[in-house]
Amino acid sequence: MKPRYSLSAMVATLLLVASQSATAVTISFDEYAANNSNAAITNRYAPLGVTFGGDNSGIWSGQSQGDPGNWAIEGSNRSAFLGNNGINNGNAYVTSINFSGLMSNVSFDVSRSNGSNAGQSLIASTYQDATLLSSQSIVLGGINSWISVAFGIGSITSLVITGSATGFSPYGIDNLQFMGTDNLLSGINQLQGTVSHAPEPTIYFMLLAGLGLLGFMLRGRKPYLAHAPMPAVAT
């Protein structure tokens, strides 16, 4: 006897696989009101599994919100951005980002801002604990010209961005994204705003493939009514 397949059970299994898979997080720095000061953010996004060193210059509102810091930039993902003007790092222009677990597919946008030098460069490096995983050198374009930087290597525990430190070299960071696991990001509901989390792209492929297989299996089955006796007709 051929086994009977339950449509609802198979769909539930597919959804369970998707829910247990990796989760992407996007931080636009608009989730909270900008502090518009040089007070570094550190644990503000700790519920998402990410903390910042005390070397950044806080979250600033962009041009559309009056440009309170005279940075002359607008965030690449909504208005706000994380600034670095060298005040909290001895003009080394370092921004350190630490993850509470192993992350992959880490990316961010960066732009130089008002008062910076043309041709300013940055070095972005990822680490697993104290081990360097990968580095990228970025030459920034014009003011308010955002560049996307991405690292696809997994097992990332920290990201360090270091500026050229040639004269006054401020820059902004926005649209920080990284991939982690659902249990690591269980605190996501503590945030109010636009922090988003979505299944990894491969999960959509898995769901489509599974539904296609389900359709193929159901197509080969004969309708149950074809084997049912015809009801008697009253005379």
C-alpha atoms as a PDB file:
ATOM      1  CA  MET A   1       0.000   0.000   0.000  1.00  0.00           C
ATOM      2  CA  LYS A   2       1.345   3.420  -0.910  1.00  0.00           C
ATOM      3  CA  PRO A   3       1.748   5.870   1.993  1.00  0.00           C
ATOM      4  CA  ARG A   4      -0.745   8.704   2.201  1.00  0.00           C
ATOM      5  CA  TYR A   5       0.776  12.179   2.142  1.00  0.00           C
ATOM      6  CA  SER A   6      -0.786  14.993   4.158  1.00  0.00           C
ATOM      7  CA  LEU A   7      -0.616  18.349   2.393  1.00  0.00           C
ATOM      8  CA  SER A   8      -0.814  20.290   5.649  1.00  0.00           C
ATOM      9  CA  ALA A   9       1.930  18.181   7.260  1.00  0.00           C
ATOM     10  CA  MET A  10       4.316  18.680   4.355  1.00  0.00           C
ATOM     11  CA  VAL A  11       3.745  22.441   4.218  1.00  0.00           C
ATOM     12  CA  ALA A  12       4.255  22.644   7.989  1.00  0.00           C
ATOM     13  CA  THR A  13       7.556  20.802   7.638  1.00  0.00           C
ATOM     14  CA  LEU A  14       8.756  23.228   4.974  1.00  0.00           C
ATOM     15  CA  LEU A  15       7.832  26.226   7.106  1.00  0.00           C
ATOM     16  CA  LEU A  16       9.615  24.695  10.102  1.00  0.00           C
ATOM     17  CA  VAL A  17      12.807  24.318   8.080  1.00  0.00           C
ATOM     18  CA  ALA A  18      12.589  27.964   7.020  1.00  0.00           C
ATOM     19  CA  SER A  19      11.950  29.235  10.550  1.00  0.00           C
ATOM     20  CA  GLN A  20      15.027  27.444  11.897  1.00  0.00           C
ATOM     21  CA  SER A  21      17.336  28.874   9.272  1.00  0.00           C
ATOM     22  CA  ALA A  22      19.588  31.904   9.365  1.00  0.00           C
ATOM     23  CA  THR A  23      18.165  35.363   9.865  1.00  0.00           C
ATOM     24  CA  ALA A  24      19.379  38.584   8.289  1.00  0.00           C
ATOM     25  CA  VAL A  25      19.377  41.766  10.364  1.00  0.00           C
ATOM     26  CA  THR A  26      19.503  45.302   8.991  1.00  0.00           C
ATOM     27  CA  ILE A  27      20.301  48.292  11.212  1.00  0.00           C
ATOM     28  CA  SER A  28      19.546  51.693   9.700  1.00  0.00           C
ATOM     29  CA  PHE A  29      20.401  53.675  12.875  1.00  0.00           C
ATOM     30  CA  ASP A  30      16.899  55.172  12.688  1.00  0.00           C
ATOM     31  CA  GLU A  31      15.491  52.640  15.145  1.00  0.00           C
ATOM     32  CA  TYR A  32      16.002  55.129  17.977  1.00  0.00           C
ATOM     33  CA  ALA A  33      16.065  58.913  18.070  1.00  0.00           C
ATOM     34  CA  ALA A  34      19.493  60.211  17.047  1.00  0.00           C
ATOM     35  CA  ASN A  35      21.517  61.534  19.984  1.00  0.00           C
ATOM     36  CA  ASN A  36      23.101  64.203  17.714  1.00  0.00           C
ATOM     37  CA  SER A  37      26.128  64.420  19.980  1.00  0.00           C
ATOM     38  CA  ASN A  38      29.556  62.893  20.190  1.00  0.00           C
ATOM     39  CA  ALA A  39      28.393  60.373  22.791  1.00  0.00           C
ATOM     40  CA  ALA A  40      29.352  56.960  21.413  1.00  0.00           C
ATOM     41  CA  ILE A  41      26.721  54.257  21.195  1.00  0.00           C
ATOM     42  CA  THR A  42      27.844  50.975  22.758  1.00  0.00           C
ATOM     43  CA  ASN A  43      25.090  48.607  23.919  1.00  0.00           C
ATOM     44  CA  ARG A  44      22.081  50.173  22.197  1.00  0.00           C
ATOM     45  CA  TYR A  45      21.732  47.260  19.769  1.00  0.00           C
ATOM     46  CA  ALA A  46      22.836  44.524  22.174  1.00  0.00           C
ATOM     47  CA  PRO A  47      19.449  42.722  21.890  1.00  0.00           C
ATOM     48  CA  LEU A  48      20.367  42.041  18.253  1.00  0.00           C
ATOM     49  CA  GLY A  49      23.687  40.489  19.184  1.00  0.00           C
ATOM     50  CA  VAL A  50      25.868  43.474  18.240  1.00  0.00           C
ATOM     51  CA  THR A  51      27.687  46.063  20.354  1.00  0.00           C
ATOM     52  CA  PHE A  52      29.848  49.022  19.396  1.00  0.00           C
ATOM     53  CA  GLY A  53      33.128  50.224  20.866  1.00  0.00           C
ATOM     54  CA  GLY A  54      33.388  53.624  22.513  1.00  0.00           C
ATOM     55  CA  ASP A  55      35.315  54.912  19.497  1.00  0.00           C
ATOM     56  CA  ASN A  56      32.365  56.074  17.367  1.00  0.00           C
ATOM     57  CA  SER A  57      30.826  59.554  17.491  1.00  0.00           C
ATOM     58  CA  GLY A  58      27.194  58.614  18.034  1.00  0.00           C
ATOM     59  CA  ILE A  59      24.127  58.576  15.809  1.00  0.00           C
ATOM     60  CA  TRP A  60      23.336  61.732  13.856  1.00  0.00           C
ATOM     61  CA  SER A  61      20.333  62.945  11.907  1.00  0.00           C
ATOM     62  CA  GLY A  62      20.953  63.512   8.210  1.00  0.00           C
ATOM     63  CA  GLN A  63      20.373  66.468   5.927  1.00  0.00           C
ATOM     64  CA  SER A  64      16.640  65.861   5.642  1.00  0.00           C
ATOM     65  CA  GLN A  65      16.369  66.340   9.416  1.00  0.00           C
ATOM     66  CA  GLY A  66      18.278  69.622   9.485  1.00  0.00           C
ATOM     67  CA  ASP A  67      21.824  68.183   9.503  1.00  0.00           C
ATOM     68  CA  PRO A  68      22.463  69.111  13.170  1.00  0.00           C
ATOM     69  CA  GLY A  69      26.114  68.026  13.059  1.00  0.00           C
ATOM     70  CA  ASN A  70      26.924  69.730   9.745  1.00  0.00           C
ATOM     71  CA  TRP A  71      28.051  66.414   8.293  1.00  0.00           C
ATOM     72  CA  ALA A  72      26.449  67.250   4.892  1.00  0.00           C
ATOM     73  CA  ILE A  73      25.321  63.661   4.385  1.00  0.00           C
ATOM     74  CA  GLU A  74      22.039  61.771   4.423  1.00  0.00           C
ATOM     75  CA  GLY A  75      21.984  58.155   5.547  1.00  0.00           C
ATOM     76  CA  SER A  76      21.870  55.544   2.792  1.00  0.00           C
ATOM     77  CA  ASN A  77      18.998  53.765   4.556  1.00  0.00           C
ATOM     78  CA  ARG A  78      16.667  56.532   5.768  1.00  0.00           C
ATOM     79  CA  SER A  79      18.058  59.665   7.435  1.00  0.00           C
ATOM     80  CA  ALA A  80      20.277  58.769  10.385  1.00  0.00           C
ATOM     81  CA  PHE A  81      23.791  57.323  10.314  1.00  0.00           C
ATOM     82  CA  LEU A  82      26.599  56.389  12.681  1.00  0.00           C
ATOM     83  CA  GLY A  83      29.267  59.076  12.592  1.00  0.00           C
ATOM     84  CA  ASN A  84      32.993  59.065  13.281  1.00  0.00           C
ATOM     85  CA  ASN A  85      34.838  62.373  13.529  1.00  0.00           C
ATOM     86  CA  GLY A  86      37.895  61.169  15.453  1.00  0.00           C
ATOM     87  CA  ILE A  87      36.920  62.741  18.778  1.00  0.00           C
ATOM     88  CA  ASN A  88      36.520  59.462  20.676  1.00  0.00           C
ATOM     89  CA  ASN A  89      39.530  57.630  19.193  1.00  0.00           C
ATOM     90  CA  GLY A  90      42.410  60.081  19.220  1.00  0.00           C
ATOM     91  CA  ASN A  91      41.877  60.997  15.563  1.00  0.00           C
ATOM     92  CA  ALA A  92      42.545  57.384  14.514  1.00  0.00           C
ATOM     93  CA  TYR A  93      39.025  57.245  13.010  1.00  0.00           C
ATOM     94  CA  VAL A  94      38.420  53.697  14.224  1.00  0.00           C
ATOM     95  CA  THR A  95      34.921  52.204  14.415  1.00  0.00           C
ATOM     96  CA  SER A  96      34.769  48.813  16.145  1.00  0.00           C
ATOM     97  CA  ILE A  97      31.728  46.563  15.932  1.00  0.00           C
ATOM     98  CA  ASN A  98      31.489  43.368  17.987  1.00  0.00           C
ATOM     99  CA  PHE A  99      29.092  40.455  17.554  1.00  0.00           C
ATOM    100  CA  SER A 100      28.001  38.188  20.395  1.00  0.00           C
ATOM    101  CA  GLY A 101      28.169  35.121  18.139  1.00  0.00           C
ATOM    102  CA  LEU A 102      29.468  33.935  14.796  1.00  0.00           C
ATOM    103  CA  MET A 103      28.098  36.029  11.938  1.00  0.00           C
ATOM    104  CA  SER A 104      28.329  35.841   8.162  1.00  0.00           C
ATOM    105  CA  ASN A 105      27.486  38.047   5.186  1.00  0.00           C
ATOM    106  CA  VAL A 106      28.417  41.217   7.085  1.00  0.00           C
ATOM    107  CA  SER A 107      28.025  44.430   5.076  1.00  0.00           C
ATOM    108  CA  PHE A 108      27.683  48.197   5.551  1.00  0.00           C
ATOM    109  CA  ASP A 109      27.561  51.469   3.618  1.00  0.00           C
ATOM    110  CA  VAL A 110      30.114  54.241   4.153  1.00  0.00           C
ATOM    111  CA  SER A 111      30.593  57.805   2.935  1.00  0.00           C
ATOM    112  CA  ARG A 112      33.004  60.597   3.733  1.00  0.00           C
ATOM    113  CA  SER A 113      31.415  63.722   5.130  1.00  0.00           C
ATOM    114  CA  ASN A 114      31.867  67.465   5.366  1.00  0.00           C
ATOM    115  CA  GLY A 115      35.438  68.544   6.145  1.00  0.00           C
ATOM    116  CA  SER A 116      37.057  65.336   4.895  1.00  0.00           C
ATOM    117  CA  ASN A 117      39.770  65.080   2.278  1.00  0.00           C
ATOM    118  CA  ALA A 118      39.268  63.939  -1.306  1.00  0.00           C
ATOM    119  CA  GLY A 119      40.734  60.486  -1.831  1.00  0.00           C
ATOM    120  CA  GLN A 120      40.249  59.543   1.817  1.00  0.00           C
ATOM    121  CA  SER A 121      40.631  55.795   2.383  1.00  0.00           C
ATOM    122  CA  LEU A 122      39.447  53.268   4.947  1.00  0.00           C
ATOM    123  CA  ILE A 123      40.473  49.743   5.825  1.00  0.00           C
ATOM    124  CA  ALA A 124      37.698  47.386   6.914  1.00  0.00           C
ATOM    125  CA  SER A 125      38.748  44.133   8.587  1.00  0.00           C
ATOM    126  CA  THR A 126      36.804  41.164   9.927  1.00  0.00           C
ATOM    127  CA  TYR A 127      38.013  38.931  12.743  1.00  0.00           C
ATOM    128  CA  GLN A 128      37.121  35.700  14.442  1.00  0.00           C
ATOM    129  CA  ASP A 129      38.220  36.533  17.958  1.00  0.00           C
ATOM    130  CA  ALA A 130      41.869  37.640  17.482  1.00  0.00           C
ATOM    131  CA  THR A 131      42.307  35.989  14.083  1.00  0.00           C
ATOM    132  CA  LEU A 132      42.128  38.237  11.033  1.00  0.00           C
ATOM    133  CA  LEU A 133      39.743  36.788   8.447  1.00  0.00           C
ATOM    134  CA  SER A 134      39.730  39.367   5.671  1.00  0.00           C
ATOM    135  CA  SER A 135      40.477  43.025   4.931  1.00  0.00           C
ATOM    136  CA  GLN A 136      39.316  45.479   2.292  1.00  0.00           C
ATOM    137  CA  SER A 137      40.750  48.872   1.394  1.00  0.00           C
ATOM    138  CA  ILE A 138      38.098  51.422   0.412  1.00  0.00           C
ATOM    139  CA  VAL A 139      38.770  54.716  -1.345  1.00  0.00           C
ATOM    140  CA  LEU A 140      35.824  56.996  -0.638  1.00  0.00           C
ATOM    141  CA  GLY A 141      34.214  59.122  -3.323  1.00  0.00           C
ATOM    142  CA  GLY A 142      32.541  62.489  -2.925  1.00  0.00           C
ATOM    143  CA  ILE A 143      30.777  63.731   0.173  1.00  0.00           C
ATOM    144  CA  ASN A 144      27.441  61.943   0.565  1.00  0.00           C
ATOM    145  CA  SER A 145      28.468  59.314  -2.014  1.00  0.00           C
ATOM    146  CA  TRP A 146      27.813  56.014  -0.286  1.00  0.00           C
ATOM    147  CA  ILE A 147      29.855  52.899  -1.010  1.00  0.00           C
ATOM    148  CA  SER A 148      28.685  49.393  -0.060  1.00  0.00           C
ATOM    149  CA  VAL A 149      31.234  47.045   1.505  1.00  0.00           C
ATOM    150  CA  ALA A 150      30.468  43.344   1.984  1.00  0.00           C
ATOM    151  CA  PHE A 151      32.160  40.348   3.586  1.00  0.00           C
ATOM    152  CA  GLY A 152      30.741  36.926   2.730  1.00  0.00           C
ATOM    153  CA  ILE A 153      33.086  34.933   4.947  1.00  0.00           C
ATOM    154  CA  GLY A 154      31.355  33.261   7.880  1.00  0.00           C
ATOM    155  CA  SER A 155      32.430  32.965  11.534  1.00  0.00           C
ATOM    156  CA  ILE A 156      32.862  36.738  11.991  1.00  0.00           C
ATOM    157  CA  THR A 157      32.936  37.979  15.583  1.00  0.00           C
ATOM    158  CA  SER A 158      34.044  41.575  14.981  1.00  0.00           C
ATOM    159  CA  LEU A 159      34.380  44.235  12.291  1.00  0.00           C
ATOM    160  CA  VAL A 160      36.923  47.053  12.601  1.00  0.00           C
ATOM    161  CA  ILE A 161      36.933  50.087  10.293  1.00  0.00           C
ATOM    162  CA  THR A 162      40.014  52.302  10.380  1.00  0.00           C
ATOM    163  CA  GLY A 163      40.283  55.667   8.632  1.00  0.00           C
ATOM    164  CA  SER A 164      43.220  57.200   6.836  1.00  0.00           C
ATOM    165  CA  ALA A 165      43.706  59.694   9.696  1.00  0.00           C
ATOM    166  CA  THR A 166      45.297  62.211   7.310  1.00  0.00           C
ATOM    167  CA  GLY A 167      44.057  65.525   8.601  1.00  0.00           C
ATOM    168  CA  PHE A 168      40.385  65.797   9.498  1.00  0.00           C
ATOM    169  CA  SER A 169      38.822  62.650   8.020  1.00  0.00           C
ATOM    170  CA  PRO A 170      35.246  62.163   9.280  1.00  0.00           C
ATOM    171  CA  TYR A 171      32.902  59.600   7.737  1.00  0.00           C
ATOM    172  CA  GLY A 172      29.478  58.055   8.250  1.00  0.00           C
ATOM    173  CA  ILE A 173      28.343  54.426   8.386  1.00  0.00           C
ATOM    174  CA  ASP A 174      24.847  53.176   7.615  1.00  0.00           C
ATOM    175  CA  ASN A 175      22.823  50.114   6.614  1.00  0.00           C
ATOM    176  CA  LEU A 176      24.745  47.628   8.744  1.00  0.00           C
ATOM    177  CA  GLN A 177      23.676  44.075   7.865  1.00  0.00           C
ATOM    178  CA  PHE A 178      24.697  40.670   9.146  1.00  0.00           C
ATOM    179  CA  MET A 179      23.470  37.103   9.234  1.00  0.00           C
ATOM    180  CA  GLY A 180      23.006  35.201  12.472  1.00  0.00           C
ATOM    181  CA  THR A 181      20.836  32.464  13.959  1.00  0.00           C
ATOM    182  CA  ASP A 182      17.304  32.864  15.282  1.00  0.00           C
ATOM    183  CA  ASN A 183      18.226  31.940  18.842  1.00  0.00           C
ATOM    184  CA  LEU A 184      20.988  34.563  18.888  1.00  0.00           C
ATOM    185  CA  LEU A 185      18.533  37.202  17.679  1.00  0.00           C
ATOM    186  CA  SER A 186      15.704  36.232  20.004  1.00  0.00           C
ATOM    187  CA  GLY A 187      15.769  39.719  21.509  1.00  0.00           C
ATOM    188  CA  ILE A 188      14.755  41.346  18.247  1.00  0.00           C
ATOM    189  CA  ASN A 189      11.249  42.090  19.537  1.00  0.00           C
ATOM    190  CA  GLN A 190      12.741  44.396  22.158  1.00  0.00           C
ATOM    191  CA  LEU A 191      13.407  46.952  19.449  1.00  0.00           C
ATOM    192  CA  GLN A 192      10.719  49.234  18.089  1.00  0.00           C
ATOM    193  CA  GLY A 193      11.192  50.628  14.596  1.00  0.00           C
ATOM    194  CA  THR A 194      12.621  49.403  11.360  1.00  0.00           C
ATOM    195  CA  VAL A 195      15.030  46.642  12.369  1.00  0.00           C
ATOM    196  CA  SER A 196      14.182  43.900   9.906  1.00  0.00           C
ATOM    197  CA  HIS A 197      14.882  40.231   9.771  1.00  0.00           C
ATOM    198  CA  ALA A 198      14.187  37.987   6.794  1.00  0.00           C
ATOM    199  CA  PRO A 199      14.938  34.428   5.754  1.00  0.00           C
ATOM    200  CA  GLU A 200      18.167  33.781   3.895  1.00  0.00           C
ATOM    201  CA  PRO A 201      17.611  33.797   0.068  1.00  0.00           C
ATOM    202  CA  THR A 202      18.379  30.084  -0.138  1.00  0.00           C
ATOM    203  CA  ILE A 203      15.394  29.414   2.101  1.00  0.00           C
ATOM    204  CA  TYR A 204      13.030  30.755  -0.559  1.00  0.00           C
ATOM    205  CA  PHE A 205      14.621  28.361  -3.034  1.00  0.00           C
ATOM    206  CA  MET A 206      14.121  25.471  -0.600  1.00  0.00           C
ATOM    207  CA  LEU A 207      10.471  26.380  -0.124  1.00  0.00           C
ATOM    208  CA  LEU A 208       9.815  26.647  -3.855  1.00  0.00           C
ATOM    209  CA  ALA A 209      11.597  23.375  -4.538  1.00  0.00           C
ATOM    210  CA  GLY A 210       9.634  21.650  -1.794  1.00  0.00           C
ATOM    211  CA  LEU A 211       6.311  22.972  -3.033  1.00  0.00           C
ATOM    212  CA  GLY A 212       7.206  21.917  -6.566  1.00  0.00           C
ATOM    213  CA  LEU A 213       7.959  18.389  -5.379  1.00  0.00           C
ATOM    214  CA  LEU A 214       4.702  18.357  -3.449  1.00  0.00           C
ATOM    215  CA  GLY A 215       2.786  19.379  -6.571  1.00  0.00           C
ATOM    216  CA  PHE A 216       4.477  16.644  -8.607  1.00  0.00           C
ATOM    217  CA  MET A 217       3.543  14.022  -6.007  1.00  0.00           C
ATOM    218  CA  LEU A 218      -0.066  15.152  -5.837  1.00  0.00           C
ATOM    219  CA  ARG A 219      -0.315  15.217  -9.620  1.00  0.00           C
ATOM    220  CA  GLY A 220       0.440  11.503  -9.788  1.00  0.00           C
ATOM    221  CA  ARG A 221      -2.267  10.566  -7.335  1.00  0.00           C
ATOM    222  CA  LYS A 222      -5.736   9.576  -8.554  1.00  0.00           C
ATOM    223  CA  PRO A 223      -8.649  11.492  -7.062  1.00  0.00           C
ATOM    224  CA  TYR A 224     -10.300   9.665  -4.194  1.00  0.00           C
ATOM    225  CA  LEU A 225     -13.766  10.110  -5.759  1.00  0.00           C
ATOM    226  CA  ALA A 226     -12.730   7.996  -8.731  1.00  0.00           C
ATOM    227  CA  HIS A 227     -12.744   4.929  -6.459  1.00  0.00           C
ATOM    228  CA  ALA A 228     -15.907   5.786  -4.548  1.00  0.00           C
ATOM    229  CA  PRO A 229     -19.166   3.936  -5.414  1.00  0.00           C
ATOM    230  CA  MET A 230     -21.827   5.921  -7.174  1.00  0.00           C
ATOM    231  CA  PRO A 231     -24.743   6.799  -4.882  1.00  0.00           C
ATOM    232  CA  ALA A 232     -28.052   5.044  -5.494  1.00  0.00           C
ATOM    233  CA  VAL A 233     -30.653   7.083  -7.358  1.00  0.00           C
ATOM    234  CA  ALA A 234     -34.098   7.171  -5.738  1.00  0.00           C
ATOM    235  CA  THR A 235     -37.016   6.112  -7.960  1.00  0.00           C
END
